[in-house]
Amino acid sequence: MARLNPPSRLWGSNGVAFGPDARLYVAQFLAGQISAVDPATADIEVIVPMDGPVQSPDDLAFGADGSMYIADLVPGRVWRRSPQGDYTLVSDQVRVPNGITCVGDRLFVNEMKMNGRLLELFPDGRDPVVLTEGLALGNAMQLGPDGCLYYPHMLTGEVWRIPPDGGAPERVAQDVHEPVAVRFDRGGVLTVLSRGEAGIVTRIDLHGSGARSVVTSGVVGLDNAAFDDENRMYVSSFASGGVTEMHPDGRIREIVPTGLDGPFGLTVDLGGTVYAADHYRVAALPPTGVRDVGEVRTHGHLELTHAVTADDGLLHTTSQYGEIRTHDPAQGATRVRAKGLDRPTGITTAPDGRTVFAETGAGRIMALDADDTLTVLAEGLGHPVDVAFDAEGRCYVSDEQRGTVLVINDQVPPVTLTDGLQSPQGLALLGDELFIVETGRRTLTAISLTTGECRVEAEDLPVGLPPGTTRTEPALFTHDMPGTPRSFAGLTTAPDGTLLLSANGEGTVLRLRRGEPAT
């Protein structure tokens, strides 16, 4: 067993803020936890664990007394964590809370939704006060040197401000590239981060010369930033995690290396390049013939991608939020082929050229032809997760809810190949054997399609939650916005005869050789 990439030290990094102890606190939305990073040593300590009361922290801020305030996005809650570690619910009346900031003892939060609100909250239980409405997806905000709150409209490319005591909001900047975070450096210069693939940062000297400068950092999916006492800027990435120091000219220095947010589904193209569906992007890993641990790069900023399959130079992908898409790497173009589906997950190409996928939420296996016409291959299943075809055109389906693997043939109803499995997910065929990832047992199981013999090929695999951890699963959707995706431990075969596994418990892709004991 070998890793294609190093384990992720931070599964996604979203809101960041320096705490009273001078450490950088990082909200990890997908992981459901908050960690503290020492910028000098890169040491990481989990402060808010994933099995605590906070489900999906997206931003955080510190009050004057050292309390941490947390925007818990999916359930719509704002928490206070005291310096002693006690949790108090501040409000459950905010829809999709994201940007959060403290002004002395006062607390403000905005909503990441269309027609979102900016509110003042009161830890003593008083009703929230709405300062303004009409935000086109709010996000990270901060008090400016003029005493106003500055916040982005992500969808319109604008930055606005409003006095903390209310009043008419004023637009202060427009034509800003996909603004996701508004920050001021120690000199009072407005710094706006872009959520796009290029890692653009725009600086505007609003209270000085008015000059504007733009740099491209290459950090994909910037999310937030914090300045230390020496005016060094540290940025986070929702797309690839990690913490990076960024200089004004765009030069970067990794503090905590970036990595995979999942991974979810996997595929390998004819050249051996490995592609991982990684929620906010499709990531590319070194070819399977490379023996050394390599670097993960962003192949495409294809957001909300959870499974992928290579097919004659194209990449077909699923999004658990209802879409099937086809991406042409050569042209850099992506088209949506189906939408409105109920949590599609695993995807593959059938021998007849159709795109076949598991519609997990609907309990169906679906086929999509070249004209984008949908056909039901099987229905009435529990939670089908992955699909794979053998050389004779038989389709194998893992059903994580019922603990079974089914065989689908056009001429007969689905039949059970094996049952008694614990949350089977990823499937792959190699020779006359079918390999199954059992996330409930953290094993790779092999079944001979010739003899029916079943054996455990590998165990103690880093898939799913850490052993002994129980986590309240946040909702998939929240107020018509994407919530938290369900994990998917994908499996695929490579041209060199190895198996590749989504080790989402550590953020790597593992290479496994058949018949080679692996733990």
Protein backbone atom coordinates (compact mmCIF):
# COMPACT_ATOMS: atom_id res chain seq x y z
CA MET A 1 0.00 0.00 0.00
CA ALA A 2 1.28 3.46 -0.89
CA ARG A 3 -0.03 7.00 -0.85
CA LEU A 4 -0.19 9.11 -4.00
CA ASN A 5 -0.26 12.30 -1.91
CA PRO A 6 0.47 13.35 1.67
CA PRO A 7 -2.37 13.28 4.24
CA SER A 8 -4.33 16.50 4.66
CA ARG A 9 -3.52 18.37 7.85
CA LEU A 10 -6.56 20.62 7.45
CA TRP A 11 -9.66 19.30 5.64
CA GLY A 12 -10.59 22.56 4.02
CA SER A 13 -9.94 25.92 5.65
CA ASN A 14 -12.56 28.60 5.80
CA GLY A 15 -12.86 31.43 8.32
CA VAL A 16 -9.60 32.39 10.04
CA ALA A 17 -8.92 34.73 12.96
CA PHE A 18 -6.07 35.28 15.39
CA GLY A 19 -6.98 34.36 18.95
CA PRO A 20 -5.80 35.90 22.22
CA ASP A 21 -2.94 33.39 22.27
CA ALA A 22 -1.63 34.68 18.89
CA ARG A 23 -2.49 31.41 17.19
CA LEU A 24 -4.50 31.38 13.96
CA TYR A 25 -7.87 29.69 14.47
CA VAL A 26 -9.26 27.96 11.39
CA ALA A 27 -12.90 27.00 10.84
CA GLN A 28 -13.15 23.77 8.81
CA PHE A 29 -16.60 23.64 7.27
CA LEU A 30 -16.43 20.16 5.70
CA ALA A 31 -14.62 18.56 8.64
CA GLY A 32 -16.98 20.13 11.17
CA GLN A 33 -14.18 21.27 13.47
CA ILE A 34 -12.03 24.27 14.38
CA SER A 35 -8.26 24.04 14.74
CA ALA A 36 -5.60 26.41 16.05
CA VAL A 37 -2.41 26.81 14.02
CA ASP A 38 0.86 28.18 15.32
CA PRO A 39 2.19 30.21 12.35
CA ALA A 40 5.77 29.86 13.55
CA THR A 41 5.85 26.08 13.95
CA ALA A 42 2.80 24.96 11.90
CA ASP A 43 1.67 22.91 14.90
CA ILE A 44 -2.07 22.22 14.83
CA GLU A 45 -4.42 21.62 17.76
CA VAL A 46 -8.09 20.74 17.37
CA ILE A 47 -10.06 23.16 19.56
CA VAL A 48 -13.65 22.41 18.53
CA PRO A 49 -13.92 18.68 17.69
CA MET A 50 -16.10 17.29 14.91
CA ASP A 51 -18.30 15.42 17.40
CA GLY A 52 -19.13 18.54 19.44
CA PRO A 53 -22.24 20.73 19.27
CA VAL A 54 -20.98 22.72 16.25
CA GLN A 55 -21.81 20.97 12.97
CA SER A 56 -20.46 23.09 10.10
CA PRO A 57 -18.32 26.06 11.22
CA ASP A 58 -17.67 28.45 8.33
CA ASP A 59 -16.39 31.59 10.05
CA LEU A 60 -15.34 32.72 13.52
CA ALA A 61 -14.43 35.84 15.46
CA PHE A 62 -13.14 36.68 18.93
CA GLY A 63 -14.84 39.03 21.38
CA ALA A 64 -13.15 41.43 23.75
CA ASP A 65 -13.24 38.88 26.59
CA GLY A 66 -11.60 36.15 24.50
CA SER A 67 -14.81 34.32 23.67
CA MET A 68 -14.96 32.65 20.27
CA TYR A 69 -18.09 33.26 18.21
CA ILE A 70 -18.84 30.67 15.52
CA ALA A 71 -21.08 30.83 12.44
CA ASP A 72 -22.52 27.29 12.15
CA LEU A 73 -23.73 27.53 8.57
CA VAL A 74 -25.95 24.54 7.78
CA PRO A 75 -28.15 24.35 10.90
CA GLY A 76 -28.32 28.15 11.03
CA ARG A 77 -26.82 28.68 14.47
CA VAL A 78 -24.36 31.08 16.02
CA TRP A 79 -22.40 29.82 19.02
CA ARG A 80 -20.30 31.35 21.78
CA ARG A 81 -17.40 29.31 23.11
CA SER A 82 -16.13 30.79 26.35
CA PRO A 83 -12.40 30.97 27.15
CA GLN A 84 -13.08 28.00 29.49
CA GLY A 85 -14.47 25.92 26.60
CA ASP A 86 -18.19 26.10 27.41
CA TYR A 87 -20.68 26.42 24.55
CA THR A 88 -23.73 28.71 24.52
CA LEU A 89 -26.20 29.06 21.66
CA VAL A 90 -26.38 32.76 20.78
CA SER A 91 -28.99 32.51 18.02
CA ASP A 92 -30.82 30.04 15.78
CA GLN A 93 -32.61 32.79 13.84
CA VAL A 94 -29.95 33.37 11.19
CA ARG A 95 -30.33 31.65 7.82
CA VAL A 96 -27.04 30.35 6.38
CA PRO A 97 -24.83 32.39 8.76
CA ASN A 98 -21.37 33.00 7.37
CA GLY A 99 -19.52 36.29 7.78
CA ILE A 100 -19.09 37.09 11.46
CA THR A 101 -17.17 39.83 13.26
CA CYS A 102 -16.88 41.44 16.67
CA VAL A 103 -16.72 45.17 17.36
CA GLY A 104 -15.69 45.41 21.00
CA ASP A 105 -18.49 43.64 22.86
CA ARG A 106 -20.85 43.76 19.87
CA LEU A 107 -21.44 40.83 17.51
CA PHE A 108 -22.45 41.02 13.84
CA VAL A 109 -23.20 38.27 11.33
CA ASN A 110 -24.43 38.11 7.73
CA GLU A 111 -26.20 35.50 5.62
CA MET A 112 -24.73 33.69 2.61
CA LYS A 113 -27.93 33.55 0.55
CA MET A 114 -29.81 35.62 -1.96
CA ASN A 115 -31.51 38.57 -0.28
CA GLY A 116 -29.46 37.83 2.80
CA ARG A 117 -29.44 39.96 5.92
CA LEU A 118 -26.77 41.61 8.05
CA LEU A 119 -27.70 41.41 11.74
CA GLU A 120 -26.47 42.36 15.16
CA LEU A 121 -26.77 39.50 17.65
CA PHE A 122 -26.86 39.67 21.42
CA PRO A 123 -25.29 36.92 23.56
CA ASP A 124 -27.65 37.88 26.43
CA GLY A 125 -30.62 36.51 24.49
CA ARG A 126 -32.17 39.69 23.10
CA ASP A 127 -33.76 39.45 19.65
CA PRO A 128 -31.46 40.11 16.69
CA VAL A 129 -31.51 43.52 15.03
CA VAL A 130 -31.48 43.59 11.23
CA LEU A 131 -29.17 46.32 9.90
CA THR A 132 -29.87 45.72 6.21
CA GLU A 133 -31.18 43.16 3.72
CA GLY A 134 -30.65 42.38 0.05
CA LEU A 135 -27.16 40.87 0.27
CA ALA A 136 -26.25 38.82 -2.81
CA LEU A 137 -24.46 36.13 -0.77
CA GLY A 138 -22.69 37.75 2.15
CA ASN A 139 -19.42 36.45 3.53
CA ALA A 140 -16.37 37.51 5.54
CA MET A 141 -16.69 41.09 6.79
CA GLN A 142 -14.79 43.49 9.03
CA LEU A 143 -14.97 46.89 10.67
CA GLY A 144 -13.14 49.51 8.62
CA PRO A 145 -11.00 52.39 9.88
CA ASP A 146 -13.96 54.72 9.34
CA GLY A 147 -16.08 52.79 11.85
CA CYS A 148 -18.33 51.14 9.24
CA LEU A 149 -18.87 47.43 8.61
CA TYR A 150 -17.57 46.32 5.21
CA TYR A 151 -18.98 43.20 3.51
CA PRO A 152 -19.00 41.58 0.04
CA HIS A 153 -21.81 40.74 -2.34
CA MET A 154 -20.27 37.61 -3.82
CA LEU A 155 -22.58 37.35 -6.83
CA THR A 156 -22.41 40.96 -7.97
CA GLY A 157 -18.69 41.66 -7.50
CA GLU A 158 -19.29 44.51 -5.07
CA VAL A 159 -18.17 45.66 -1.62
CA TRP A 160 -20.58 47.58 0.61
CA ARG A 161 -20.45 49.26 3.99
CA ILE A 162 -22.93 50.26 6.67
CA PRO A 163 -22.60 51.93 10.10
CA PRO A 164 -22.87 49.41 12.98
CA ASP A 165 -25.84 51.35 14.36
CA GLY A 166 -27.68 51.05 11.05
CA GLY A 167 -28.46 53.42 8.22
CA ALA A 168 -28.35 53.33 4.45
CA PRO A 169 -25.79 50.86 3.06
CA GLU A 170 -23.28 52.35 0.62
CA ARG A 171 -21.46 50.61 -2.23
CA VAL A 172 -17.76 51.38 -2.04
CA ALA A 173 -16.33 49.15 -4.78
CA GLN A 174 -17.61 47.32 -7.84
CA ASP A 175 -16.13 45.12 -10.57
CA VAL A 176 -14.21 43.18 -7.93
CA HIS A 177 -13.53 39.61 -9.01
CA GLU A 178 -15.80 37.15 -7.14
CA PRO A 179 -15.30 38.78 -3.71
CA VAL A 180 -15.49 36.28 -0.87
CA ALA A 181 -13.77 38.13 1.98
CA VAL A 182 -13.26 41.76 2.95
CA ARG A 183 -10.31 42.55 5.19
CA PHE A 184 -8.25 45.59 6.22
CA ASP A 185 -4.52 45.39 6.74
CA ARG A 186 -2.79 47.19 9.60
CA GLY A 187 -2.41 50.27 7.42
CA GLY A 188 -6.12 50.47 6.70
CA VAL A 189 -5.92 49.27 3.08
CA LEU A 190 -9.01 47.35 1.96
CA THR A 191 -8.07 43.81 0.88
CA VAL A 192 -10.62 41.73 -1.03
CA LEU A 193 -10.11 38.03 -1.72
CA SER A 194 -11.55 36.25 -4.76
CA ARG A 195 -13.07 32.79 -4.52
CA GLY A 196 -12.00 31.88 -8.08
CA GLU A 197 -9.39 29.51 -9.41
CA ALA A 198 -6.66 32.11 -9.98
CA GLY A 199 -6.46 33.28 -6.35
CA ILE A 200 -6.92 36.97 -7.13
CA VAL A 201 -6.47 39.56 -4.38
CA THR A 202 -7.59 43.16 -4.91
CA ARG A 203 -6.24 46.00 -2.73
CA ILE A 204 -8.02 49.35 -2.62
CA ASP A 205 -6.65 52.34 -0.71
CA LEU A 206 -10.12 53.68 0.05
CA HIS A 207 -9.05 56.08 2.76
CA GLY A 208 -5.90 57.28 1.05
CA SER A 209 -5.10 57.69 -2.64
CA GLY A 210 -7.95 55.50 -3.84
CA ALA A 211 -5.53 53.43 -5.89
CA ARG A 212 -6.44 49.84 -6.74
CA SER A 213 -4.02 46.97 -7.37
CA VAL A 214 -4.67 43.35 -8.34
CA VAL A 215 -2.36 40.35 -7.86
CA THR A 216 -2.79 36.70 -8.79
CA SER A 217 -1.55 34.25 -6.18
CA GLY A 218 -2.51 30.89 -7.67
CA VAL A 219 -4.15 29.81 -4.41
CA VAL A 220 -7.35 28.16 -5.64
CA GLY A 221 -10.57 29.00 -3.85
CA LEU A 222 -9.44 31.67 -1.39
CA ASP A 223 -11.84 31.90 1.52
CA ASN A 224 -10.59 34.24 4.22
CA ALA A 225 -7.61 36.14 5.56
CA ALA A 226 -6.15 37.45 8.80
CA PHE A 227 -3.31 39.91 9.46
CA ASP A 228 -0.91 39.46 12.36
CA ASP A 229 0.64 42.27 14.40
CA GLU A 230 3.44 42.65 11.85
CA ASN A 231 0.91 42.97 9.00
CA ARG A 232 1.64 39.54 7.55
CA MET A 233 -1.40 38.17 5.75
CA TYR A 234 -2.43 34.55 6.17
CA VAL A 235 -5.08 33.11 3.85
CA SER A 236 -7.26 30.01 3.83
CA SER A 237 -8.65 27.97 0.94
CA PHE A 238 -12.04 26.30 0.97
CA ALA A 239 -11.01 24.35 -2.15
CA SER A 240 -7.75 22.81 -0.94
CA GLY A 241 -7.35 23.59 2.75
CA GLY A 242 -4.08 24.61 4.35
CA VAL A 243 -2.84 28.00 5.51
CA THR A 244 -0.65 30.21 3.32
CA GLU A 245 1.25 33.41 4.01
CA MET A 246 0.71 35.80 1.12
CA HIS A 247 2.89 38.81 0.35
CA PRO A 248 1.47 42.00 -1.18
CA ASP A 249 3.00 41.11 -4.56
CA GLY A 250 1.25 37.73 -4.61
CA ARG A 251 4.20 35.58 -3.55
CA ILE A 252 3.18 32.80 -1.20
CA ARG A 253 4.70 30.60 1.49
CA GLU A 254 2.86 27.54 2.73
CA ILE A 255 2.47 27.31 6.49
CA VAL A 256 0.15 24.30 6.48
CA PRO A 257 0.29 22.53 3.08
CA THR A 258 -2.81 22.32 0.96
CA GLY A 259 -4.36 18.94 0.21
CA LEU A 260 -7.60 17.16 -0.57
CA ASP A 261 -10.90 18.12 1.03
CA GLY A 262 -12.23 14.57 0.54
CA PRO A 263 -11.49 12.82 -1.64
CA PHE A 264 -14.71 11.35 -3.05
CA GLY A 265 -14.86 9.45 -6.37
CA LEU A 266 -11.77 8.53 -8.41
CA THR A 267 -10.91 7.77 -12.03
CA VAL A 268 -7.79 7.25 -14.15
CA ASP A 269 -7.42 8.36 -17.76
CA LEU A 270 -5.58 6.44 -20.47
CA GLY A 271 -2.38 8.32 -19.68
CA GLY A 272 -2.47 7.18 -16.07
CA THR A 273 -3.36 10.56 -14.55
CA VAL A 274 -5.55 10.15 -11.48
CA TYR A 275 -8.53 12.46 -11.04
CA ALA A 276 -10.27 12.89 -7.70
CA ALA A 277 -13.69 14.44 -7.20
CA ASP A 278 -13.00 16.75 -4.29
CA HIS A 279 -16.25 18.67 -3.65
CA TYR A 280 -15.01 22.12 -4.67
CA ARG A 281 -12.89 20.95 -7.58
CA VAL A 282 -11.56 18.05 -9.61
CA ALA A 283 -8.02 17.42 -8.43
CA ALA A 284 -5.27 15.74 -10.45
CA LEU A 285 -2.65 13.50 -8.86
CA PRO A 286 0.57 12.08 -10.30
CA PRO A 287 0.25 9.19 -12.78
CA THR A 288 -0.06 5.79 -11.16
CA GLY A 289 3.35 4.71 -12.45
CA VAL A 290 5.07 7.34 -10.28
CA ARG A 291 6.27 5.75 -7.06
CA ASP A 292 6.97 8.80 -4.94
CA VAL A 293 4.33 10.76 -3.04
CA GLY A 294 3.37 13.66 -5.27
CA GLU A 295 1.64 17.02 -5.29
CA VAL A 296 -2.07 17.51 -5.75
CA ARG A 297 -3.05 20.17 -8.28
CA THR A 298 -6.41 21.56 -9.27
CA HIS A 299 -7.42 20.24 -12.67
CA GLY A 300 -10.60 22.26 -12.76
CA HIS A 301 -12.54 24.47 -10.36
CA LEU A 302 -15.62 22.27 -10.87
CA GLU A 303 -17.54 22.94 -7.70
CA LEU A 304 -19.74 20.42 -5.90
CA THR A 305 -18.23 17.38 -7.64
CA HIS A 306 -18.48 14.03 -5.87
CA ALA A 307 -17.77 11.31 -8.43
CA VAL A 308 -15.89 11.24 -11.71
CA THR A 309 -15.22 8.80 -14.54
CA ALA A 310 -12.88 9.17 -17.53
CA ASP A 311 -14.33 8.34 -20.93
CA ASP A 312 -12.49 8.83 -24.23
CA GLY A 313 -10.86 12.12 -23.24
CA LEU A 314 -13.87 13.42 -21.31
CA LEU A 315 -14.68 13.48 -17.60
CA HIS A 316 -18.26 12.70 -16.53
CA THR A 317 -19.07 13.91 -13.03
CA THR A 318 -21.87 13.84 -10.49
CA SER A 319 -22.84 16.41 -7.91
CA GLN A 320 -24.79 15.30 -4.87
CA TYR A 321 -26.73 18.52 -5.36
CA GLY A 322 -28.50 17.05 -8.36
CA GLU A 323 -26.43 17.39 -11.53
CA ILE A 324 -24.65 15.20 -14.07
CA ARG A 325 -21.98 17.11 -15.98
CA THR A 326 -19.46 16.36 -18.71
CA HIS A 327 -16.14 18.20 -18.76
CA ASP A 328 -13.85 18.42 -21.77
CA PRO A 329 -10.31 18.98 -20.43
CA ALA A 330 -8.95 19.86 -23.87
CA GLN A 331 -11.47 22.66 -24.37
CA GLY A 332 -11.87 23.60 -20.73
CA ALA A 333 -15.63 23.41 -21.21
CA THR A 334 -18.28 21.86 -18.99
CA ARG A 335 -21.93 21.22 -19.78
CA VAL A 336 -24.77 20.15 -17.51
CA ARG A 337 -26.50 17.07 -18.93
CA ALA A 338 -29.09 16.43 -16.22
CA LYS A 339 -30.29 18.35 -13.19
CA GLY A 340 -32.86 18.10 -10.42
CA LEU A 341 -31.74 14.60 -9.44
CA ASP A 342 -31.83 13.27 -5.88
CA ARG A 343 -28.22 12.99 -4.66
CA PRO A 344 -26.47 11.26 -7.58
CA THR A 345 -23.21 9.67 -6.48
CA GLY A 346 -21.16 6.95 -8.22
CA ILE A 347 -20.81 7.16 -12.01
CA THR A 348 -19.31 5.03 -14.79
CA THR A 349 -19.54 4.41 -18.54
CA ALA A 350 -21.44 1.32 -19.72
CA PRO A 351 -20.12 -0.90 -22.54
CA ASP A 352 -22.76 0.58 -24.86
CA GLY A 353 -21.41 4.10 -24.21
CA ARG A 354 -24.18 5.32 -21.93
CA THR A 355 -23.32 7.18 -18.73
CA VAL A 356 -24.67 5.20 -15.77
CA PHE A 357 -24.95 6.54 -12.24
CA ALA A 358 -26.49 5.81 -8.85
CA GLU A 359 -29.24 8.24 -7.84
CA THR A 360 -28.73 7.58 -4.16
CA GLY A 361 -31.57 9.62 -2.69
CA ALA A 362 -34.15 8.17 -5.09
CA GLY A 363 -32.97 4.56 -4.76
CA ARG A 364 -32.43 4.25 -8.51
CA ILE A 365 -29.80 3.35 -11.09
CA MET A 366 -30.02 5.66 -14.10
CA ALA A 367 -28.56 5.72 -17.61
CA LEU A 368 -27.93 8.86 -19.67
CA ASP A 369 -27.49 8.47 -23.42
CA ALA A 370 -25.68 10.70 -25.92
CA ASP A 371 -28.83 12.79 -26.38
CA ASP A 372 -29.06 13.31 -22.60
CA THR A 373 -32.15 11.14 -22.34
CA LEU A 374 -32.55 9.48 -18.93
CA THR A 375 -33.57 5.84 -18.52
CA VAL A 376 -34.27 3.96 -15.28
CA LEU A 377 -32.24 0.74 -15.09
CA ALA A 378 -33.37 -0.24 -11.59
CA GLU A 379 -35.46 1.31 -8.83
CA GLY A 380 -36.78 0.51 -5.38
CA LEU A 381 -33.27 0.20 -3.94
CA GLY A 382 -32.17 1.56 -0.56
CA HIS A 383 -29.21 3.92 -0.96
CA PRO A 384 -27.28 2.81 -4.06
CA VAL A 385 -23.89 4.51 -4.00
CA ASP A 386 -21.59 3.16 -6.70
CA VAL A 387 -21.83 1.32 -10.02
CA ALA A 388 -19.37 -0.79 -12.03
CA PHE A 389 -19.61 -2.97 -15.17
CA ASP A 390 -17.90 -6.26 -15.99
CA ALA A 391 -16.78 -7.39 -19.45
CA GLU A 392 -20.14 -9.09 -20.12
CA GLY A 393 -22.06 -5.88 -19.49
CA ARG A 394 -23.43 -6.80 -16.07
CA CYS A 395 -23.84 -3.83 -13.74
CA TYR A 396 -22.85 -4.12 -10.07
CA VAL A 397 -24.34 -1.76 -7.49
CA SER A 398 -23.40 -1.11 -3.86
CA ASP A 399 -26.30 -0.30 -1.54
CA GLU A 400 -24.91 1.22 1.65
CA GLN A 401 -28.27 1.30 3.43
CA ARG A 402 -29.10 -2.39 2.93
CA GLY A 403 -25.51 -3.64 3.09
CA THR A 404 -25.71 -5.43 -0.23
CA VAL A 405 -24.14 -5.57 -3.67
CA LEU A 406 -26.63 -6.18 -6.48
CA VAL A 407 -26.24 -7.35 -10.06
CA ILE A 408 -28.37 -5.68 -12.72
CA ASN A 409 -29.03 -7.30 -16.06
CA ASP A 410 -31.43 -5.87 -18.64
CA GLN A 411 -33.28 -9.17 -18.93
CA VAL A 412 -33.92 -9.98 -15.27
CA PRO A 413 -34.71 -8.09 -12.02
CA PRO A 414 -31.73 -7.12 -9.84
CA VAL A 415 -30.29 -10.03 -7.85
CA THR A 416 -28.19 -9.94 -4.70
CA LEU A 417 -24.56 -10.92 -5.19
CA THR A 418 -23.69 -10.59 -1.50
CA ASP A 419 -25.22 -9.13 1.66
CA GLY A 420 -24.29 -8.56 5.29
CA LEU A 421 -21.86 -5.80 4.35
CA GLN A 422 -21.35 -2.70 6.47
CA SER A 423 -21.98 0.48 4.50
CA PRO A 424 -20.49 -0.66 1.17
CA GLN A 425 -19.55 2.23 -1.10
CA GLY A 426 -16.82 2.18 -3.78
CA LEU A 427 -16.74 -0.69 -6.31
CA ALA A 428 -14.09 -1.77 -8.82
CA LEU A 429 -13.56 -4.84 -11.02
CA LEU A 430 -10.14 -6.34 -11.58
CA GLY A 431 -9.98 -9.59 -13.52
CA ASP A 432 -12.69 -11.90 -12.24
CA GLU A 433 -12.89 -10.22 -8.86
CA LEU A 434 -15.13 -7.45 -7.55
CA PHE A 435 -13.64 -5.19 -4.87
CA ILE A 436 -15.85 -3.38 -2.36
CA VAL A 437 -15.03 -0.66 0.16
CA GLU A 438 -16.91 -1.35 3.39
CA THR A 439 -16.74 1.96 5.21
CA GLY A 440 -18.55 0.53 8.26
CA ARG A 441 -15.76 -1.99 8.82
CA ARG A 442 -13.01 0.08 7.19
CA THR A 443 -12.09 -2.85 4.95
CA LEU A 444 -11.58 -3.69 1.30
CA THR A 445 -13.48 -6.87 0.47
CA ALA A 446 -12.91 -9.02 -2.63
CA ILE A 447 -15.46 -11.40 -4.17
CA SER A 448 -14.58 -13.90 -6.88
CA LEU A 449 -17.21 -13.73 -9.61
CA THR A 450 -16.19 -17.24 -10.67
CA THR A 451 -16.27 -19.14 -7.37
CA GLY A 452 -18.16 -16.75 -5.09
CA GLU A 453 -15.27 -16.83 -2.61
CA CYS A 454 -15.16 -13.74 -0.38
CA ARG A 455 -12.10 -12.45 1.47
CA VAL A 456 -10.85 -9.32 3.22
CA GLU A 457 -8.16 -7.79 1.04
CA ALA A 458 -7.22 -4.90 3.36
CA GLU A 459 -8.37 -3.67 6.76
CA ASP A 460 -8.04 -0.69 9.10
CA LEU A 461 -8.33 1.60 6.10
CA PRO A 462 -8.55 5.36 6.72
CA VAL A 463 -12.08 5.80 5.38
CA GLY A 464 -15.04 7.50 7.04
CA LEU A 465 -14.97 9.14 10.46
CA PRO A 466 -12.16 8.33 12.90
CA PRO A 467 -12.97 5.23 14.99
CA GLY A 468 -15.10 6.08 18.00
CA THR A 469 -16.24 9.41 16.56
CA THR A 470 -19.94 10.13 16.21
CA ARG A 471 -21.00 13.23 14.35
CA THR A 472 -24.41 14.74 13.73
CA GLU A 473 -24.71 14.78 9.94
CA PRO A 474 -25.49 18.31 8.71
CA ALA A 475 -28.22 18.65 6.10
CA LEU A 476 -27.39 18.31 2.41
CA PHE A 477 -29.27 21.54 1.64
CA THR A 478 -30.03 24.64 3.68
CA HIS A 479 -32.38 27.41 2.50
CA ASP A 480 -31.83 26.42 -1.16
CA MET A 481 -28.06 26.59 -0.67
CA PRO A 482 -25.68 23.62 -0.65
CA GLY A 483 -25.11 22.16 2.79
CA THR A 484 -22.66 19.40 3.65
CA PRO A 485 -22.12 16.48 1.23
CA ARG A 486 -22.16 12.85 2.29
CA SER A 487 -18.77 11.15 2.26
CA PHE A 488 -18.04 8.68 -0.51
CA ALA A 489 -15.03 6.36 -0.46
CA GLY A 490 -14.49 5.80 -4.16
CA LEU A 491 -12.53 2.96 -5.73
CA THR A 492 -11.11 2.48 -9.21
CA THR A 493 -8.55 0.46 -11.14
CA ALA A 494 -5.41 1.80 -12.77
CA PRO A 495 -3.68 0.69 -16.00
CA ASP A 496 -0.85 -0.88 -13.99
CA GLY A 497 -3.25 -3.34 -12.33
CA THR A 498 -3.44 -1.58 -8.97
CA LEU A 499 -6.50 -0.38 -7.09
CA LEU A 500 -6.90 3.24 -6.07
CA LEU A 501 -8.93 4.11 -2.97
CA SER A 502 -10.33 7.40 -1.67
CA ALA A 503 -8.88 7.41 1.84
CA ASN A 504 -11.15 10.23 2.99
CA GLY A 505 -10.27 9.60 6.63
CA GLU A 506 -6.84 11.13 6.01
CA GLY A 507 -7.26 13.00 2.73
CA THR A 508 -5.18 10.76 0.48
CA VAL A 509 -5.48 8.42 -2.48
CA LEU A 510 -4.09 4.99 -1.63
CA ARG A 511 -2.61 2.57 -4.17
CA LEU A 512 -3.31 -1.09 -3.32
CA ARG A 513 -1.95 -4.15 -5.07
CA ARG A 514 -4.18 -7.21 -5.35
CA GLY A 515 -3.05 -10.00 -3.09
CA GLU A 516 -0.63 -7.77 -1.18
CA PRO A 517 -1.60 -7.62 2.52
CA ALA A 518 -2.33 -4.05 3.52
CA THR A 519 -3.28 -2.50 6.85
